[in-house]
Amino acid sequence: MSEEPAMVQPMLEGRGIDKSFGAFKVLKAVDLAVASGEAVGIVGPNGAGKTTLFGVLAGALLPTAGTVRFAGADLTGTGAAARCRSGIARTHQVPRPFLGMSVFENALTAAQFGAGLSGSAAEDCAAEALERTALLNHANRPAAALGLLDRKRLELARALATRPRVILLDEIGGGLTEAELGLLITLIGQLKADGLTIVWIEHILHALLKVIDRLVCMSAGAVIAEGGPDAVMADPEVRRAYLGGSL
């Protein structure tokens, strides 16, 4: 008798995630499992709960109910700093650089406090992150002097400097021109090819679809569809969630 294949343990997993703010329930029994090396896209209308889910996964918000596991360990009660040290990094919709620091100092701070490095190891990690995001030539520039594309690159560089195994990208393509977006897609594709696990919230679907393996759609705080991108995009409930919009 043949044996059933062993179940692959997800790299990042949220089960039964609820999140309420007072009487308002933002997330409702959300399940999400992401395998090592997988790129998963999350779409949905504004107010669907996507960014709140990222907050729960990254530890900035604790769930009202449910569990978060990373590489098999239960991290539900831990905060963002501990999760970052464990290997979960996150970017934000609006870049949050330390404006009073240089580009290099921003990346160095992430290496020191996110990856727990010091001395030359932290400096090398910061330089590598800036090189991967095409910012090394801007290392000595004040972060406040960067344009939007470079601020988004710096947001990504700071996340990479924490040496993550999973990176949560929150609408990193927003506000960019098509040419700038193309550069960003290429960079994220390279990170995926290098084996980084990616979860990406994005409204710019054509950008998302060039990178992801699987698509998840949320609406009103719940997952309403997930699977192959083409199948999810063709789902009638997904189309209704977008009010007959861009899907």
C-alpha atoms as a PDB file:
ATOM      1  CA  MET A   1       0.000   0.000   0.000  1.00  0.00           C
ATOM      2  CA  SER A   2       1.431   3.391  -0.989  1.00  0.00           C
ATOM      3  CA  GLU A   3       1.933   6.019   1.668  1.00  0.00           C
ATOM      4  CA  GLU A   4       0.338   9.450   1.418  1.00  0.00           C
ATOM      5  CA  PRO A   5       2.871  12.249   0.912  1.00  0.00           C
ATOM      6  CA  ALA A   6       3.835  14.099   4.059  1.00  0.00           C
ATOM      7  CA  MET A   7       2.215  17.485   4.555  1.00  0.00           C
ATOM      8  CA  VAL A   8       4.605  20.369   3.996  1.00  0.00           C
ATOM      9  CA  GLN A   9       4.749  22.687   6.990  1.00  0.00           C
ATOM     10  CA  PRO A  10       3.949  26.279   5.980  1.00  0.00           C
ATOM     11  CA  MET A  11       6.634  28.879   6.492  1.00  0.00           C
ATOM     12  CA  LEU A  12       4.014  31.409   7.646  1.00  0.00           C
ATOM     13  CA  GLU A  13       0.525  30.491   8.797  1.00  0.00           C
ATOM     14  CA  GLY A  14      -2.419  32.355  10.255  1.00  0.00           C
ATOM     15  CA  ARG A  15      -5.391  30.284  11.425  1.00  0.00           C
ATOM     16  CA  GLY A  16      -8.797  31.563  12.461  1.00  0.00           C
ATOM     17  CA  ILE A  17      -7.571  35.159  12.685  1.00  0.00           C
ATOM     18  CA  ASP A  18     -10.142  37.578  14.096  1.00  0.00           C
ATOM     19  CA  LYS A  19      -9.341  41.207  14.816  1.00  0.00           C
ATOM     20  CA  SER A  20     -11.783  43.638  16.355  1.00  0.00           C
ATOM     21  CA  PHE A  21     -11.449  47.295  17.243  1.00  0.00           C
ATOM     22  CA  GLY A  22     -14.171  47.832  19.814  1.00  0.00           C
ATOM     23  CA  ALA A  23     -17.396  46.498  18.325  1.00  0.00           C
ATOM     24  CA  PHE A  24     -16.043  46.642  14.772  1.00  0.00           C
ATOM     25  CA  LYS A  25     -14.761  43.294  13.510  1.00  0.00           C
ATOM     26  CA  VAL A  26     -12.106  43.919  10.840  1.00  0.00           C
ATOM     27  CA  LEU A  27     -10.919  40.319  10.329  1.00  0.00           C
ATOM     28  CA  LYS A  28     -13.220  37.308  10.446  1.00  0.00           C
ATOM     29  CA  ALA A  29     -11.730  33.810  10.810  1.00  0.00           C
ATOM     30  CA  VAL A  30      -8.998  34.427   8.226  1.00  0.00           C
ATOM     31  CA  ASP A  31      -6.821  31.450   7.267  1.00  0.00           C
ATOM     32  CA  LEU A  32      -3.607  31.969   5.326  1.00  0.00           C
ATOM     33  CA  ALA A  33      -0.763  29.499   4.806  1.00  0.00           C
ATOM     34  CA  VAL A  34       2.345  30.341   2.785  1.00  0.00           C
ATOM     35  CA  ALA A  35       4.967  27.755   1.841  1.00  0.00           C
ATOM     36  CA  SER A  36       8.691  28.405   1.889  1.00  0.00           C
ATOM     37  CA  GLY A  37       9.763  30.146  -1.320  1.00  0.00           C
ATOM     38  CA  GLU A  38       6.193  30.837  -2.415  1.00  0.00           C
ATOM     39  CA  ALA A  39       4.964  34.223  -3.630  1.00  0.00           C
ATOM     40  CA  VAL A  40       1.356  34.904  -2.644  1.00  0.00           C
ATOM     41  CA  GLY A  41      -0.617  37.946  -3.710  1.00  0.00           C
ATOM     42  CA  ILE A  42      -3.472  39.423  -1.684  1.00  0.00           C
ATOM     43  CA  VAL A  43      -6.088  41.583  -3.373  1.00  0.00           C
ATOM     44  CA  GLY A  44      -9.416  43.062  -2.370  1.00  0.00           C
ATOM     45  CA  PRO A  45     -11.311  46.334  -2.248  1.00  0.00           C
ATOM     46  CA  ASN A  46     -10.385  49.105   0.165  1.00  0.00           C
ATOM     47  CA  GLY A  47     -11.505  48.193   3.677  1.00  0.00           C
ATOM     48  CA  ALA A  48     -11.190  44.444   3.063  1.00  0.00           C
ATOM     49  CA  GLY A  49      -8.800  44.031   6.022  1.00  0.00           C
ATOM     50  CA  LYS A  50      -5.627  43.339   4.044  1.00  0.00           C
ATOM     51  CA  THR A  51      -3.323  45.744   5.877  1.00  0.00           C
ATOM     52  CA  THR A  52      -4.819  44.753   9.233  1.00  0.00           C
ATOM     53  CA  LEU A  53      -3.956  41.140   8.405  1.00  0.00           C
ATOM     54  CA  PHE A  54      -0.367  42.201   7.734  1.00  0.00           C
ATOM     55  CA  GLY A  55      -0.333  43.980  11.083  1.00  0.00           C
ATOM     56  CA  VAL A  56      -1.385  40.754  12.813  1.00  0.00           C
ATOM     57  CA  LEU A  57       1.119  38.612  10.883  1.00  0.00           C
ATOM     58  CA  ALA A  58       3.973  41.041  11.563  1.00  0.00           C
ATOM     59  CA  GLY A  59       3.123  41.458  15.253  1.00  0.00           C
ATOM     60  CA  ALA A  60       2.164  45.138  15.179  1.00  0.00           C
ATOM     61  CA  LEU A  61      -1.362  44.030  16.141  1.00  0.00           C
ATOM     62  CA  LEU A  62      -2.330  41.084  18.315  1.00  0.00           C
ATOM     63  CA  PRO A  63      -5.318  39.071  17.072  1.00  0.00           C
ATOM     64  CA  THR A  64      -8.582  39.016  18.977  1.00  0.00           C
ATOM     65  CA  ALA A  65      -8.699  35.294  18.207  1.00  0.00           C
ATOM     66  CA  GLY A  66      -6.658  32.816  16.197  1.00  0.00           C
ATOM     67  CA  THR A  67      -2.991  31.875  15.929  1.00  0.00           C
ATOM     68  CA  VAL A  68       0.086  32.918  13.965  1.00  0.00           C
ATOM     69  CA  ARG A  69       2.827  30.369  13.359  1.00  0.00           C
ATOM     70  CA  PHE A  70       6.185  30.873  11.684  1.00  0.00           C
ATOM     71  CA  ALA A  71       8.422  27.945  10.707  1.00  0.00           C
ATOM     72  CA  GLY A  72       6.336  25.792  13.050  1.00  0.00           C
ATOM     73  CA  ALA A  73       6.672  28.061  16.093  1.00  0.00           C
ATOM     74  CA  ASP A  74       3.661  29.749  17.660  1.00  0.00           C
ATOM     75  CA  LEU A  75       4.323  33.501  17.618  1.00  0.00           C
ATOM     76  CA  THR A  76       0.757  34.622  18.373  1.00  0.00           C
ATOM     77  CA  GLY A  77       1.632  36.501  21.552  1.00  0.00           C
ATOM     78  CA  THR A  78       4.917  38.012  20.391  1.00  0.00           C
ATOM     79  CA  GLY A  79       5.411  41.573  19.185  1.00  0.00           C
ATOM     80  CA  ALA A  80       6.844  43.007  15.999  1.00  0.00           C
ATOM     81  CA  ALA A  81      10.466  43.190  17.212  1.00  0.00           C
ATOM     82  CA  ALA A  82      10.560  39.508  18.143  1.00  0.00           C
ATOM     83  CA  ARG A  83       8.956  38.498  14.854  1.00  0.00           C
ATOM     84  CA  CYS A  84      11.425  40.582  12.907  1.00  0.00           C
ATOM     85  CA  ARG A  85      14.288  38.840  14.700  1.00  0.00           C
ATOM     86  CA  SER A  86      12.621  35.507  13.853  1.00  0.00           C
ATOM     87  CA  GLY A  87      12.620  36.333  10.137  1.00  0.00           C
ATOM     88  CA  ILE A  88       9.421  38.223   9.285  1.00  0.00           C
ATOM     89  CA  ALA A  89       9.957  41.616   7.629  1.00  0.00           C
ATOM     90  CA  ARG A  90       7.388  44.110   6.445  1.00  0.00           C
ATOM     91  CA  THR A  91       7.139  47.200   4.262  1.00  0.00           C
ATOM     92  CA  HIS A  92       4.427  49.855   4.539  1.00  0.00           C
ATOM     93  CA  GLN A  93       2.147  51.503   1.995  1.00  0.00           C
ATOM     94  CA  VAL A  94       3.713  54.882   2.760  1.00  0.00           C
ATOM     95  CA  PRO A  95       7.500  54.544   3.191  1.00  0.00           C
ATOM     96  CA  ARG A  96       8.713  55.270   6.712  1.00  0.00           C
ATOM     97  CA  PRO A  97      12.419  56.154   6.476  1.00  0.00           C
ATOM     98  CA  PHE A  98      14.256  57.827   9.315  1.00  0.00           C
ATOM     99  CA  LEU A  99      14.360  61.211   7.601  1.00  0.00           C
ATOM    100  CA  GLY A 100      17.168  62.578   9.761  1.00  0.00           C
ATOM    101  CA  MET A 101      19.501  59.738   8.748  1.00  0.00           C
ATOM    102  CA  SER A 102      21.364  58.907   5.559  1.00  0.00           C
ATOM    103  CA  VAL A 103      20.270  56.071   3.294  1.00  0.00           C
ATOM    104  CA  PHE A 104      23.095  53.912   4.674  1.00  0.00           C
ATOM    105  CA  GLU A 105      22.241  54.732   8.288  1.00  0.00           C
ATOM    106  CA  ASN A 106      18.649  53.659   7.648  1.00  0.00           C
ATOM    107  CA  ALA A 107      19.782  50.266   6.375  1.00  0.00           C
ATOM    108  CA  LEU A 108      22.399  49.942   9.118  1.00  0.00           C
ATOM    109  CA  THR A 109      19.778  50.537  11.807  1.00  0.00           C
ATOM    110  CA  ALA A 110      17.675  47.731  10.325  1.00  0.00           C
ATOM    111  CA  ALA A 111      20.666  45.381  10.306  1.00  0.00           C
ATOM    112  CA  GLN A 112      21.529  46.211  13.894  1.00  0.00           C
ATOM    113  CA  PHE A 113      18.096  46.125  15.485  1.00  0.00           C
ATOM    114  CA  GLY A 114      16.260  43.820  13.054  1.00  0.00           C
ATOM    115  CA  ALA A 115      18.943  41.239  12.318  1.00  0.00           C
ATOM    116  CA  GLY A 116      20.790  41.702  15.616  1.00  0.00           C
ATOM    117  CA  LEU A 117      24.138  42.362  13.905  1.00  0.00           C
ATOM    118  CA  SER A 118      26.927  44.677  14.992  1.00  0.00           C
ATOM    119  CA  GLY A 119      30.207  46.097  13.721  1.00  0.00           C
ATOM    120  CA  SER A 120      31.399  45.116  10.260  1.00  0.00           C
ATOM    121  CA  ALA A 121      28.741  42.400   9.955  1.00  0.00           C
ATOM    122  CA  ALA A 122      25.990  44.996  10.270  1.00  0.00           C
ATOM    123  CA  GLU A 123      27.755  47.343   7.847  1.00  0.00           C
ATOM    124  CA  ASP A 124      28.190  44.579   5.273  1.00  0.00           C
ATOM    125  CA  CYS A 125      24.533  43.543   5.625  1.00  0.00           C
ATOM    126  CA  ALA A 126      23.368  47.135   5.144  1.00  0.00           C
ATOM    127  CA  ALA A 127      25.591  47.613   2.097  1.00  0.00           C
ATOM    128  CA  GLU A 128      24.342  44.358   0.555  1.00  0.00           C
ATOM    129  CA  ALA A 129      20.715  45.414   1.033  1.00  0.00           C
ATOM    130  CA  LEU A 130      21.394  48.761  -0.610  1.00  0.00           C
ATOM    131  CA  GLU A 131      23.230  47.103  -3.487  1.00  0.00           C
ATOM    132  CA  ARG A 132      20.326  44.718  -4.125  1.00  0.00           C
ATOM    133  CA  THR A 133      17.889  47.625  -4.259  1.00  0.00           C
ATOM    134  CA  ALA A 134      20.112  49.813  -6.485  1.00  0.00           C
ATOM    135  CA  LEU A 135      20.668  52.359  -3.711  1.00  0.00           C
ATOM    136  CA  LEU A 136      24.339  51.833  -2.896  1.00  0.00           C
ATOM    137  CA  ASN A 137      25.332  54.878  -4.963  1.00  0.00           C
ATOM    138  CA  HIS A 138      22.950  56.926  -2.796  1.00  0.00           C
ATOM    139  CA  ALA A 139      24.258  55.592   0.518  1.00  0.00           C
ATOM    140  CA  ASN A 140      25.387  58.974   1.826  1.00  0.00           C
ATOM    141  CA  ARG A 141      22.315  60.930   0.694  1.00  0.00           C
ATOM    142  CA  PRO A 142      19.842  62.074   3.349  1.00  0.00           C
ATOM    143  CA  ALA A 143      16.766  59.838   3.269  1.00  0.00           C
ATOM    144  CA  ALA A 144      14.649  62.999   3.228  1.00  0.00           C
ATOM    145  CA  ALA A 145      16.075  63.905  -0.195  1.00  0.00           C
ATOM    146  CA  LEU A 146      14.872  60.726  -1.941  1.00  0.00           C
ATOM    147  CA  GLY A 147      12.041  60.650  -4.468  1.00  0.00           C
ATOM    148  CA  LEU A 148       9.160  58.176  -4.203  1.00  0.00           C
ATOM    149  CA  LEU A 149      10.775  55.284  -6.108  1.00  0.00           C
ATOM    150  CA  ASP A 150      13.960  55.512  -4.067  1.00  0.00           C
ATOM    151  CA  ARG A 151      11.981  55.801  -0.827  1.00  0.00           C
ATOM    152  CA  LYS A 152      10.178  52.602  -1.758  1.00  0.00           C
ATOM    153  CA  ARG A 153      13.515  50.989  -2.571  1.00  0.00           C
ATOM    154  CA  LEU A 154      14.822  52.123   0.809  1.00  0.00           C
ATOM    155  CA  GLU A 155      11.739  50.684   2.510  1.00  0.00           C
ATOM    156  CA  LEU A 156      12.542  47.382   0.812  1.00  0.00           C
ATOM    157  CA  ALA A 157      16.265  47.668   1.594  1.00  0.00           C
ATOM    158  CA  ARG A 158      15.549  48.184   5.285  1.00  0.00           C
ATOM    159  CA  ALA A 159      13.358  45.082   5.280  1.00  0.00           C
ATOM    160  CA  LEU A 160      16.067  43.057   3.512  1.00  0.00           C
ATOM    161  CA  ALA A 161      18.698  44.274   5.976  1.00  0.00           C
ATOM    162  CA  THR A 162      16.839  42.415   8.743  1.00  0.00           C
ATOM    163  CA  ARG A 163      17.717  39.179   6.869  1.00  0.00           C
ATOM    164  CA  PRO A 164      14.141  37.936   6.567  1.00  0.00           C
ATOM    165  CA  ARG A 165      12.857  34.568   5.464  1.00  0.00           C
ATOM    166  CA  VAL A 166       9.413  36.070   4.755  1.00  0.00           C
ATOM    167  CA  ILE A 167       8.742  39.581   3.509  1.00  0.00           C
ATOM    168  CA  LEU A 168       5.312  41.232   3.609  1.00  0.00           C
ATOM    169  CA  LEU A 169       4.961  43.877   0.889  1.00  0.00           C
ATOM    170  CA  ASP A 170       2.091  46.322   1.398  1.00  0.00           C
ATOM    171  CA  GLU A 171       1.188  48.110  -1.865  1.00  0.00           C
ATOM    172  CA  ILE A 172       4.811  48.803  -2.676  1.00  0.00           C
ATOM    173  CA  GLY A 173       3.884  49.640  -6.281  1.00  0.00           C
ATOM    174  CA  GLY A 174       1.463  52.447  -5.452  1.00  0.00           C
ATOM    175  CA  GLY A 175       2.226  55.878  -6.874  1.00  0.00           C
ATOM    176  CA  LEU A 176       4.972  54.753  -9.276  1.00  0.00           C
ATOM    177  CA  THR A 177       5.132  55.356 -13.007  1.00  0.00           C
ATOM    178  CA  GLU A 178       4.991  52.328 -15.314  1.00  0.00           C
ATOM    179  CA  ALA A 179       8.762  52.531 -15.857  1.00  0.00           C
ATOM    180  CA  GLU A 180       9.442  52.721 -12.116  1.00  0.00           C
ATOM    181  CA  LEU A 181       7.001  49.886 -11.499  1.00  0.00           C
ATOM    182  CA  GLY A 182       8.836  47.739 -14.023  1.00  0.00           C
ATOM    183  CA  LEU A 183      12.084  48.210 -12.121  1.00  0.00           C
ATOM    184  CA  LEU A 184      10.367  47.254  -8.876  1.00  0.00           C
ATOM    185  CA  ILE A 185       8.775  44.130 -10.419  1.00  0.00           C
ATOM    186  CA  THR A 186      12.188  43.004 -11.662  1.00  0.00           C
ATOM    187  CA  LEU A 187      13.671  43.466  -8.194  1.00  0.00           C
ATOM    188  CA  ILE A 188      10.889  41.550  -6.443  1.00  0.00           C
ATOM    189  CA  GLY A 189      11.146  38.786  -9.041  1.00  0.00           C
ATOM    190  CA  GLN A 190      14.866  38.494  -8.280  1.00  0.00           C
ATOM    191  CA  LEU A 191      14.131  38.186  -4.556  1.00  0.00           C
ATOM    192  CA  LYS A 192      11.667  35.400  -5.285  1.00  0.00           C
ATOM    193  CA  ALA A 193      14.209  33.632  -7.518  1.00  0.00           C
ATOM    194  CA  ASP A 194      16.658  33.792  -4.615  1.00  0.00           C
ATOM    195  CA  GLY A 195      14.194  31.832  -2.478  1.00  0.00           C
ATOM    196  CA  LEU A 196      12.663  34.580  -0.357  1.00  0.00           C
ATOM    197  CA  THR A 197       9.059  33.900   0.673  1.00  0.00           C
ATOM    198  CA  ILE A 198       6.839  36.811  -0.396  1.00  0.00           C
ATOM    199  CA  VAL A 199       3.326  37.917   0.566  1.00  0.00           C
ATOM    200  CA  TRP A 200       2.303  40.954  -1.469  1.00  0.00           C
ATOM    201  CA  ILE A 201      -0.772  43.183  -1.132  1.00  0.00           C
ATOM    202  CA  GLU A 202      -1.234  45.166  -4.319  1.00  0.00           C
ATOM    203  CA  HIS A 203      -3.963  46.978  -6.251  1.00  0.00           C
ATOM    204  CA  ILE A 204      -1.887  47.053  -9.443  1.00  0.00           C
ATOM    205  CA  LEU A 205      -2.859  43.592 -10.649  1.00  0.00           C
ATOM    206  CA  HIS A 206      -0.661  43.374 -13.720  1.00  0.00           C
ATOM    207  CA  ALA A 207       2.395  43.970 -11.518  1.00  0.00           C
ATOM    208  CA  LEU A 208       1.307  41.401  -8.970  1.00  0.00           C
ATOM    209  CA  LEU A 209       0.563  38.722 -11.563  1.00  0.00           C
ATOM    210  CA  LYS A 210       4.101  38.873 -12.966  1.00  0.00           C
ATOM    211  CA  VAL A 211       5.531  37.588  -9.687  1.00  0.00           C
ATOM    212  CA  ILE A 212       3.032  35.550  -7.675  1.00  0.00           C
ATOM    213  CA  ASP A 213       2.302  31.817  -7.637  1.00  0.00           C
ATOM    214  CA  ARG A 214      -1.061  32.047  -5.868  1.00  0.00           C
ATOM    215  CA  LEU A 215      -3.707  34.709  -5.344  1.00  0.00           C
ATOM    216  CA  VAL A 216      -5.919  35.375  -2.318  1.00  0.00           C
ATOM    217  CA  CYS A 217      -8.895  37.745  -2.440  1.00  0.00           C
ATOM    218  CA  MET A 218     -10.335  39.337   0.692  1.00  0.00           C
ATOM    219  CA  SER A 219     -13.580  41.230   1.165  1.00  0.00           C
ATOM    220  CA  ALA A 220     -15.217  42.584   4.326  1.00  0.00           C
ATOM    221  CA  GLY A 221     -12.571  41.007   6.548  1.00  0.00           C
ATOM    222  CA  ALA A 222     -12.756  37.470   5.136  1.00  0.00           C
ATOM    223  CA  VAL A 223     -11.027  35.397   2.466  1.00  0.00           C
ATOM    224  CA  ILE A 224     -13.536  34.861  -0.350  1.00  0.00           C
ATOM    225  CA  ALA A 225     -11.301  33.075  -2.878  1.00  0.00           C
ATOM    226  CA  GLU A 226      -7.806  31.683  -3.223  1.00  0.00           C
ATOM    227  CA  GLY A 227      -5.896  29.597  -5.715  1.00  0.00           C
ATOM    228  CA  GLY A 228      -4.379  30.059  -9.139  1.00  0.00           C
ATOM    229  CA  PRO A 229      -4.465  33.723 -10.232  1.00  0.00           C
ATOM    230  CA  ASP A 230      -6.579  33.095 -13.339  1.00  0.00           C
ATOM    231  CA  ALA A 231      -9.186  31.099 -11.426  1.00  0.00           C
ATOM    232  CA  VAL A 232      -9.434  33.655  -8.637  1.00  0.00           C
ATOM    233  CA  MET A 233      -9.745  36.555 -11.056  1.00  0.00           C
ATOM    234  CA  ALA A 234     -12.565  34.756 -12.872  1.00  0.00           C
ATOM    235  CA  ASP A 235     -14.494  33.975  -9.682  1.00  0.00           C
ATOM    236  CA  PRO A 236     -17.926  35.711  -9.720  1.00  0.00           C
ATOM    237  CA  GLU A 237     -17.714  36.547  -6.012  1.00  0.00           C
ATOM    238  CA  VAL A 238     -14.342  38.206  -6.550  1.00  0.00           C
ATOM    239  CA  ARG A 239     -15.803  40.239  -9.406  1.00  0.00           C
ATOM    240  CA  ARG A 240     -18.716  41.306  -7.216  1.00  0.00           C
ATOM    241  CA  ALA A 241     -16.303  42.355  -4.448  1.00  0.00           C
ATOM    242  CA  TYR A 242     -14.664  44.682  -6.931  1.00  0.00           C
ATOM    243  CA  LEU A 243     -18.101  45.947  -8.054  1.00  0.00           C
ATOM    244  CA  GLY A 244     -17.392  44.746 -11.565  1.00  0.00           C
ATOM    245  CA  GLY A 245     -14.109  46.626 -11.583  1.00  0.00           C
ATOM    246  CA  SER A 246     -10.641  45.962 -12.926  1.00  0.00           C
ATOM    247  CA  LEU A 247     -10.729  42.173 -12.727  1.00  0.00           C
END
